[in-house]
Amino acid sequence: MRTLYEIVEDMQASKMPTHEECYYALQVYRSMFNIEHRKYREELTRKERSSKWYREQSAELSFDMYKAALSTSPKEWMGEGK
């Protein structure tokens, strides 16, 4: 399976990825959205704001997660092998 980046590039170029590629790409985006949403919800409901260092590290980890997802096939990112 192609990388998530390649699948998204095709979609943006009005090319049609396969059904399987679309299915797994959506699974990856859903998982990343849930991870991020949970982190933001926890931060917003804290009584005290997290330290600047913690917030910066969280932002960097979020960026790294998306970068890793784009450079990997959706199946691999979801742990289903090559």
PDB file of N, CA and C in Angstrom:
ATOM      1  N   MET A   1       0.849  -1.187   0.000  1.00  0.00           N
ATOM      2  CA  MET A   1       0.000   0.000   0.000  1.00  0.00           C
ATOM      3  C   MET A   1       0.889   1.243   0.000  1.00  0.00           C
ATOM      4  N   ARG A   2       0.433   2.277  -0.688  1.00  0.00           N
ATOM      5  CA  ARG A   2       1.181   3.531  -0.773  1.00  0.00           C
ATOM      6  C   ARG A   2       1.149   4.263   0.572  1.00  0.00           C
ATOM      7  N   THR A   3       2.029   5.271   0.688  1.00  0.00           N
ATOM      8  CA  THR A   3       2.040   6.061   1.918  1.00  0.00           C
ATOM      9  C   THR A   3       0.800   6.954   1.970  1.00  0.00           C
ATOM     10  N   LEU A   4       0.485   7.401   3.157  1.00  0.00           N
ATOM     11  CA  LEU A   4      -0.649   8.306   3.324  1.00  0.00           C
ATOM     12  C   LEU A   4      -0.433   9.582   2.510  1.00  0.00           C
ATOM     13  N   TYR A   5       0.792  10.064   2.468  1.00  0.00           N
ATOM     14  CA  TYR A   5       1.105  11.260   1.685  1.00  0.00           C
ATOM     15  C   TYR A   5       0.754  11.058   0.210  1.00  0.00           C
ATOM     16  N   GLU A   6       1.128   9.915  -0.346  1.00  0.00           N
ATOM     17  CA  GLU A   6       0.845   9.633  -1.757  1.00  0.00           C
ATOM     18  C   GLU A   6      -0.660   9.543  -2.017  1.00  0.00           C
ATOM     19  N   ILE A   7      -1.374   8.948  -1.083  1.00  0.00           N
ATOM     20  CA  ILE A   7      -2.829   8.828  -1.223  1.00  0.00           C
ATOM     21  C   ILE A   7      -3.472  10.212  -1.209  1.00  0.00           C
ATOM     22  N   VAL A   8      -3.048  11.051  -0.276  1.00  0.00           N
ATOM     23  CA  VAL A   8      -3.599  12.405  -0.165  1.00  0.00           C
ATOM     24  C   VAL A   8      -3.237  13.233  -1.401  1.00  0.00           C
ATOM     25  N   GLU A   9      -2.013  13.099  -1.881  1.00  0.00           N
ATOM     26  CA  GLU A   9      -1.596  13.819  -3.091  1.00  0.00           C
ATOM     27  C   GLU A   9      -2.485  13.457  -4.279  1.00  0.00           C
ATOM     28  N   ASP A  10      -2.772  12.176  -4.448  1.00  0.00           N
ATOM     29  CA  ASP A  10      -3.663  11.758  -5.537  1.00  0.00           C
ATOM     30  C   ASP A  10      -5.048  12.363  -5.374  1.00  0.00           C
ATOM     31  N   MET A  11      -5.557  12.325  -4.169  1.00  0.00           N
ATOM     32  CA  MET A  11      -6.889  12.878  -3.907  1.00  0.00           C
ATOM     33  C   MET A  11      -6.920  14.367  -4.249  1.00  0.00           C
ATOM     34  N   GLN A  12      -5.882  15.094  -3.877  1.00  0.00           N
ATOM     35  CA  GLN A  12      -5.832  16.526  -4.165  1.00  0.00           C
ATOM     36  C   GLN A  12      -5.682  16.805  -5.657  1.00  0.00           C
ATOM     37  N   ALA A  13      -5.115  15.851  -6.389  1.00  0.00           N
ATOM     38  CA  ALA A  13      -4.953  15.999  -7.839  1.00  0.00           C
ATOM     39  C   ALA A  13      -6.164  15.447  -8.591  1.00  0.00           C
ATOM     40  N   SER A  14      -7.248  15.222  -7.870  1.00  0.00           N
ATOM     41  CA  SER A  14      -8.499  14.690  -8.436  1.00  0.00           C
ATOM     42  C   SER A  14      -8.356  13.290  -9.023  1.00  0.00           C
ATOM     43  N   LYS A  15      -7.394  12.530  -8.489  1.00  0.00           N
ATOM     44  CA  LYS A  15      -7.266  11.125  -8.861  1.00  0.00           C
ATOM     45  C   LYS A  15      -7.955  10.305  -7.774  1.00  0.00           C
ATOM     46  N   MET A  16      -8.434   9.134  -8.126  1.00  0.00           N
ATOM     47  CA  MET A  16      -9.207   8.325  -7.197  1.00  0.00           C
ATOM     48  C   MET A  16      -8.347   7.217  -6.584  1.00  0.00           C
ATOM     49  N   PRO A  17      -8.024   7.321  -5.273  1.00  0.00           N
ATOM     50  CA  PRO A  17      -7.340   6.214  -4.606  1.00  0.00           C
ATOM     51  C   PRO A  17      -8.273   4.996  -4.560  1.00  0.00           C
ATOM     52  N   THR A  18      -7.697   3.843  -4.282  1.00  0.00           N
ATOM     53  CA  THR A  18      -8.531   2.645  -4.200  1.00  0.00           C
ATOM     54  C   THR A  18      -9.438   2.714  -2.975  1.00  0.00           C
ATOM     55  N   HIS A  19     -10.449   1.880  -2.973  1.00  0.00           N
ATOM     56  CA  HIS A  19     -11.368   1.803  -1.832  1.00  0.00           C
ATOM     57  C   HIS A  19     -10.593   1.451  -0.562  1.00  0.00           C
ATOM     58  N   GLU A  20      -9.687   0.474  -0.667  1.00  0.00           N
ATOM     59  CA  GLU A  20      -8.903   0.052   0.494  1.00  0.00           C
ATOM     60  C   GLU A  20      -8.034   1.196   1.008  1.00  0.00           C
ATOM     61  N   GLU A  21      -7.389   1.939   0.102  1.00  0.00           N
ATOM     62  CA  GLU A  21      -6.558   3.067   0.521  1.00  0.00           C
ATOM     63  C   GLU A  21      -7.396   4.122   1.234  1.00  0.00           C
ATOM     64  N   CYS A  22      -8.563   4.417   0.700  1.00  0.00           N
ATOM     65  CA  CYS A  22      -9.454   5.399   1.335  1.00  0.00           C
ATOM     66  C   CYS A  22      -9.883   4.930   2.718  1.00  0.00           C
ATOM     67  N   TYR A  23     -10.233   3.666   2.821  1.00  0.00           N
ATOM     68  CA  TYR A  23     -10.689   3.100   4.094  1.00  0.00           C
ATOM     69  C   TYR A  23      -9.608   3.242   5.165  1.00  0.00           C
ATOM     70  N   TYR A  24      -8.388   2.800   4.854  1.00  0.00           N
ATOM     71  CA  TYR A  24      -7.318   2.857   5.847  1.00  0.00           C
ATOM     72  C   TYR A  24      -6.850   4.290   6.108  1.00  0.00           C
ATOM     73  N   ALA A  25      -6.849   5.138   5.097  1.00  0.00           N
ATOM     74  CA  ALA A  25      -6.477   6.543   5.306  1.00  0.00           C
ATOM     75  C   ALA A  25      -7.459   7.206   6.272  1.00  0.00           C
ATOM     76  N   LEU A  26      -8.735   6.917   6.104  1.00  0.00           N
ATOM     77  CA  LEU A  26      -9.743   7.478   7.001  1.00  0.00           C
ATOM     78  C   LEU A  26      -9.576   6.938   8.419  1.00  0.00           C
ATOM     79  N   GLN A  27      -9.211   5.666   8.543  1.00  0.00           N
ATOM     80  CA  GLN A  27      -8.948   5.082   9.868  1.00  0.00           C
ATOM     81  C   GLN A  27      -7.806   5.830  10.567  1.00  0.00           C
ATOM     82  N   VAL A  28      -6.748   6.123   9.817  1.00  0.00           N
ATOM     83  CA  VAL A  28      -5.601   6.831  10.385  1.00  0.00           C
ATOM     84  C   VAL A  28      -6.012   8.228  10.841  1.00  0.00           C
ATOM     85  N   TYR A  29      -6.696   8.965   9.982  1.00  0.00           N
ATOM     86  CA  TYR A  29      -7.112  10.319  10.355  1.00  0.00           C
ATOM     87  C   TYR A  29      -8.070  10.307  11.540  1.00  0.00           C
ATOM     88  N   ARG A  30      -8.958   9.326  11.597  1.00  0.00           N
ATOM     89  CA  ARG A  30      -9.877   9.205  12.725  1.00  0.00           C
ATOM     90  C   ARG A  30      -9.100   8.957  14.023  1.00  0.00           C
ATOM     91  N   SER A  31      -8.122   8.073  13.969  1.00  0.00           N
ATOM     92  CA  SER A  31      -7.315   7.773  15.152  1.00  0.00           C
ATOM     93  C   SER A  31      -6.528   8.993  15.612  1.00  0.00           C
ATOM     94  N   MET A  32      -5.901   9.695  14.666  1.00  0.00           N
ATOM     95  CA  MET A  32      -5.131  10.881  15.039  1.00  0.00           C
ATOM     96  C   MET A  32      -6.045  11.964  15.604  1.00  0.00           C
ATOM     97  N   PHE A  33      -7.222  12.140  15.019  1.00  0.00           N
ATOM     98  CA  PHE A  33      -8.173  13.121  15.528  1.00  0.00           C
ATOM     99  C   PHE A  33      -8.564  12.785  16.962  1.00  0.00           C
ATOM    100  N   ASN A  34      -8.852  11.516  17.233  1.00  0.00           N
ATOM    101  CA  ASN A  34      -9.244  11.113  18.583  1.00  0.00           C
ATOM    102  C   ASN A  34      -8.127  11.346  19.591  1.00  0.00           C
ATOM    103  N   ILE A  35      -6.892  11.044  19.204  1.00  0.00           N
ATOM    104  CA  ILE A  35      -5.742  11.268  20.088  1.00  0.00           C
ATOM    105  C   ILE A  35      -5.617  12.753  20.407  1.00  0.00           C
ATOM    106  N   GLU A  36      -5.654  13.585  19.377  1.00  0.00           N
ATOM    107  CA  GLU A  36      -5.509  15.032  19.569  1.00  0.00           C
ATOM    108  C   GLU A  36      -6.681  15.621  20.351  1.00  0.00           C
ATOM    109  N   HIS A  37      -7.877  15.203  20.033  1.00  0.00           N
ATOM    110  CA  HIS A  37      -9.063  15.732  20.711  1.00  0.00           C
ATOM    111  C   HIS A  37      -9.003  15.423  22.208  1.00  0.00           C
ATOM    112  N   ARG A  38      -8.596  14.210  22.553  1.00  0.00           N
ATOM    113  CA  ARG A  38      -8.486  13.834  23.959  1.00  0.00           C
ATOM    114  C   ARG A  38      -7.456  14.709  24.673  1.00  0.00           C
ATOM    115  N   LYS A  39      -6.289  14.948  24.030  1.00  0.00           N
ATOM    116  CA  LYS A  39      -5.255  15.782  24.645  1.00  0.00           C
ATOM    117  C   LYS A  39      -5.745  17.209  24.864  1.00  0.00           C
ATOM    118  N   TYR A  40      -6.417  17.776  23.858  1.00  0.00           N
ATOM    119  CA  TYR A  40      -6.907  19.148  23.986  1.00  0.00           C
ATOM    120  C   TYR A  40      -8.009  19.254  25.031  1.00  0.00           C
ATOM    121  N   ARG A  41      -8.894  18.289  25.065  1.00  0.00           N
ATOM    122  CA  ARG A  41      -9.979  18.305  26.050  1.00  0.00           C
ATOM    123  C   ARG A  41      -9.405  18.246  27.469  1.00  0.00           C
ATOM    124  N   GLU A  42      -8.397  17.390  27.681  1.00  0.00           N
ATOM    125  CA  GLU A  42      -7.764  17.306  28.997  1.00  0.00           C
ATOM    126  C   GLU A  42      -7.106  18.630  29.374  1.00  0.00           C
ATOM    127  N   GLU A  43      -6.442  19.244  28.423  1.00  0.00           N
ATOM    128  CA  GLU A  43      -5.774  20.524  28.697  1.00  0.00           C
ATOM    129  C   GLU A  43      -6.795  21.609  29.040  1.00  0.00           C
ATOM    130  N   LEU A  44      -7.890  21.650  28.307  1.00  0.00           N
ATOM    131  CA  LEU A  44      -8.897  22.688  28.538  1.00  0.00           C
ATOM    132  C   LEU A  44      -9.669  22.500  29.836  1.00  0.00           C
ATOM    133  N   THR A  45      -9.770  21.284  30.328  1.00  0.00           N
ATOM    134  CA  THR A  45     -10.534  21.045  31.553  1.00  0.00           C
ATOM    135  C   THR A  45      -9.663  21.027  32.805  1.00  0.00           C
ATOM    136  N   ARG A  46      -8.360  21.227  32.658  1.00  0.00           N
ATOM    137  CA  ARG A  46      -7.485  21.296  33.839  1.00  0.00           C
ATOM    138  C   ARG A  46      -7.785  22.567  34.628  1.00  0.00           C
ATOM    139  N   LYS A  47      -7.584  22.474  35.922  1.00  0.00           N
ATOM    140  CA  LYS A  47      -7.768  23.670  36.747  1.00  0.00           C
ATOM    141  C   LYS A  47      -6.637  24.660  36.504  1.00  0.00           C
ATOM    142  N   GLU A  48      -5.432  24.129  36.290  1.00  0.00           N
ATOM    143  CA  GLU A  48      -4.286  24.991  36.008  1.00  0.00           C
ATOM    144  C   GLU A  48      -3.700  24.613  34.659  1.00  0.00           C
ATOM    145  N   ARG A  49      -3.276  25.597  33.930  1.00  0.00           N
ATOM    146  CA  ARG A  49      -2.692  25.374  32.608  1.00  0.00           C
ATOM    147  C   ARG A  49      -1.362  24.631  32.744  1.00  0.00           C
ATOM    148  N   SER A  50      -1.071  23.756  31.804  1.00  0.00           N
ATOM    149  CA  SER A  50       0.206  23.034  31.804  1.00  0.00           C
ATOM    150  C   SER A  50       1.349  24.014  31.571  1.00  0.00           C
ATOM    151  N   SER A  51       2.537  23.582  31.937  1.00  0.00           N
ATOM    152  CA  SER A  51       3.705  24.447  31.757  1.00  0.00           C
ATOM    153  C   SER A  51       3.977  24.685  30.272  1.00  0.00           C
ATOM    154  N   LYS A  52       4.672  25.764  30.003  1.00  0.00           N
ATOM    155  CA  LYS A  52       5.011  26.093  28.622  1.00  0.00           C
ATOM    156  C   LYS A  52       5.820  24.955  28.004  1.00  0.00           C
ATOM    157  N   TRP A  53       6.762  24.378  28.750  1.00  0.00           N
ATOM    158  CA  TRP A  53       7.576  23.275  28.249  1.00  0.00           C
ATOM    159  C   TRP A  53       6.688  22.101  27.842  1.00  0.00           C
ATOM    160  N   TYR A  54       5.729  21.745  28.683  1.00  0.00           N
ATOM    161  CA  TYR A  54       4.832  20.618  28.389  1.00  0.00           C
ATOM    162  C   TYR A  54       4.003  20.900  27.132  1.00  0.00           C
ATOM    163  N   ARG A  55       3.492  22.110  27.012  1.00  0.00           N
ATOM    164  CA  ARG A  55       2.692  22.462  25.834  1.00  0.00           C
ATOM    165  C   ARG A  55       3.533  22.414  24.559  1.00  0.00           C
ATOM    166  N   GLU A  56       4.776  22.895  24.644  1.00  0.00           N
ATOM    167  CA  GLU A  56       5.661  22.854  23.479  1.00  0.00           C
ATOM    168  C   GLU A  56       5.993  21.417  23.090  1.00  0.00           C
ATOM    169  N   GLN A  57       6.235  20.576  24.090  1.00  0.00           N
ATOM    170  CA  GLN A  57       6.521  19.164  23.811  1.00  0.00           C
ATOM    171  C   GLN A  57       5.311  18.471  23.198  1.00  0.00           C
ATOM    172  N   SER A  58       4.128  18.792  23.683  1.00  0.00           N
ATOM    173  CA  SER A  58       2.900  18.208  23.132  1.00  0.00           C
ATOM    174  C   SER A  58       2.712  18.612  21.677  1.00  0.00           C
ATOM    175  N   ALA A  59       2.979  19.872  21.382  1.00  0.00           N
ATOM    176  CA  ALA A  59       2.853  20.345  19.997  1.00  0.00           C
ATOM    177  C   ALA A  59       3.866  19.644  19.099  1.00  0.00           C
ATOM    178  N   GLU A  60       5.076  19.467  19.589  1.00  0.00           N
ATOM    179  CA  GLU A  60       6.105  18.784  18.801  1.00  0.00           C
ATOM    180  C   GLU A  60       5.739  17.316  18.572  1.00  0.00           C
ATOM    181  N   LEU A  61       5.229  16.654  19.596  1.00  0.00           N
ATOM    182  CA  LEU A  61       4.809  15.256  19.447  1.00  0.00           C
ATOM    183  C   LEU A  61       3.652  15.128  18.461  1.00  0.00           C
ATOM    184  N   SER A  62       2.745  16.076  18.495  1.00  0.00           N
ATOM    185  CA  SER A  62       1.626  16.069  17.556  1.00  0.00           C
ATOM    186  C   SER A  62       2.142  16.199  16.124  1.00  0.00           C
ATOM    187  N   PHE A  63       3.049  17.134  15.902  1.00  0.00           N
ATOM    188  CA  PHE A  63       3.641  17.317  14.578  1.00  0.00           C
ATOM    189  C   PHE A  63       4.333  16.037  14.122  1.00  0.00           C
ATOM    190  N   ASP A  64       5.110  15.421  15.025  1.00  0.00           N
ATOM    191  CA  ASP A  64       5.828  14.191  14.689  1.00  0.00           C
ATOM    192  C   ASP A  64       4.875  13.049  14.359  1.00  0.00           C
ATOM    193  N   MET A  65       3.746  12.974  15.060  1.00  0.00           N
ATOM    194  CA  MET A  65       2.763  11.929  14.791  1.00  0.00           C
ATOM    195  C   MET A  65       2.211  12.077  13.374  1.00  0.00           C
ATOM    196  N   TYR A  66       1.818  13.284  12.999  1.00  0.00           N
ATOM    197  CA  TYR A  66       1.276  13.517  11.659  1.00  0.00           C
ATOM    198  C   TYR A  66       2.347  13.275  10.591  1.00  0.00           C
ATOM    199  N   LYS A  67       3.573  13.712  10.854  1.00  0.00           N
ATOM    200  CA  LYS A  67       4.670  13.507   9.909  1.00  0.00           C
ATOM    201  C   LYS A  67       4.925  12.015   9.703  1.00  0.00           C
ATOM    202  N   ALA A  68       4.937  11.245  10.785  1.00  0.00           N
ATOM    203  CA  ALA A  68       5.148   9.797  10.685  1.00  0.00           C
ATOM    204  C   ALA A  68       4.007   9.133   9.930  1.00  0.00           C
ATOM    205  N   ALA A  69       2.792   9.578  10.180  1.00  0.00           N
ATOM    206  CA  ALA A  69       1.635   8.990   9.496  1.00  0.00           C
ATOM    207  C   ALA A  69       1.713   9.242   7.996  1.00  0.00           C
ATOM    208  N   LEU A  70       2.112  10.433   7.599  1.00  0.00           N
ATOM    209  CA  LEU A  70       2.188  10.761   6.173  1.00  0.00           C
ATOM    210  C   LEU A  70       3.270   9.961   5.451  1.00  0.00           C
ATOM    211  N   SER A  71       4.327   9.592   6.166  1.00  0.00           N
ATOM    212  CA  SER A  71       5.432   8.878   5.519  1.00  0.00           C
ATOM    213  C   SER A  71       5.300   7.358   5.610  1.00  0.00           C
ATOM    214  N   THR A  72       4.166   6.880   6.103  1.00  0.00           N
ATOM    215  CA  THR A  72       3.930   5.448   6.291  1.00  0.00           C
ATOM    216  C   THR A  72       2.640   5.064   5.585  1.00  0.00           C
ATOM    217  N   SER A  73       2.530   3.799   5.226  1.00  0.00           N
ATOM    218  CA  SER A  73       1.253   3.362   4.664  1.00  0.00           C
ATOM    219  C   SER A  73       0.227   3.328   5.798  1.00  0.00           C
ATOM    220  N   PRO A  74      -1.016   3.645   5.514  1.00  0.00           N
ATOM    221  CA  PRO A  74      -2.039   3.635   6.560  1.00  0.00           C
ATOM    222  C   PRO A  74      -2.150   2.289   7.282  1.00  0.00           C
ATOM    223  N   LYS A  75      -2.006   1.193   6.551  1.00  0.00           N
ATOM    224  CA  LYS A  75      -2.071  -0.128   7.186  1.00  0.00           C
ATOM    225  C   LYS A  75      -0.951  -0.296   8.207  1.00  0.00           C
ATOM    226  N   GLU A  76       0.258   0.114   7.842  1.00  0.00           N
ATOM    227  CA  GLU A  76       1.388   0.013   8.767  1.00  0.00           C
ATOM    228  C   GLU A  76       1.154   0.892   9.988  1.00  0.00           C
ATOM    229  N   TRP A  77       0.693   2.109   9.772  1.00  0.00           N
ATOM    230  CA  TRP A  77       0.473   3.033  10.882  1.00  0.00           C
ATOM    231  C   TRP A  77      -0.558   2.468  11.856  1.00  0.00           C
ATOM    232  N   MET A  78      -1.550   1.756  11.323  1.00  0.00           N
ATOM    233  CA  MET A  78      -2.589   1.151  12.161  1.00  0.00           C
ATOM    234  C   MET A  78      -2.122  -0.167  12.781  1.00  0.00           C
ATOM    235  N   GLY A  79      -0.897  -0.595  12.460  1.00  0.00           N
ATOM    236  CA  GLY A  79      -0.347  -1.801  13.059  1.00  0.00           C
ATOM    237  C   GLY A  79      -0.747  -3.090  12.369  1.00  0.00           C
ATOM    238  N   GLU A  80      -1.163  -2.997  11.126  1.00  0.00           N
ATOM    239  CA  GLU A  80      -1.600  -4.192  10.405  1.00  0.00           C
ATOM    240  C   GLU A  80      -0.545  -4.710   9.436  1.00  0.00           C
ATOM    241  N   GLY A  81       0.686  -4.268   9.583  1.00  0.00           N
ATOM    242  CA  GLY A  81       1.760  -4.794   8.742  1.00  0.00           C
ATOM    243  C   GLY A  81       1.789  -4.211   7.353  1.00  0.00           C
ATOM    244  N   LYS A  82       2.665  -4.788   6.558  1.00  0.00           N
ATOM    245  CA  LYS A  82       2.897  -4.262   5.206  1.00  0.00           C
ATOM    246  C   LYS A  82       1.951  -4.824   4.197  1.00  0.00           C
TER     247      LYS A  82
END
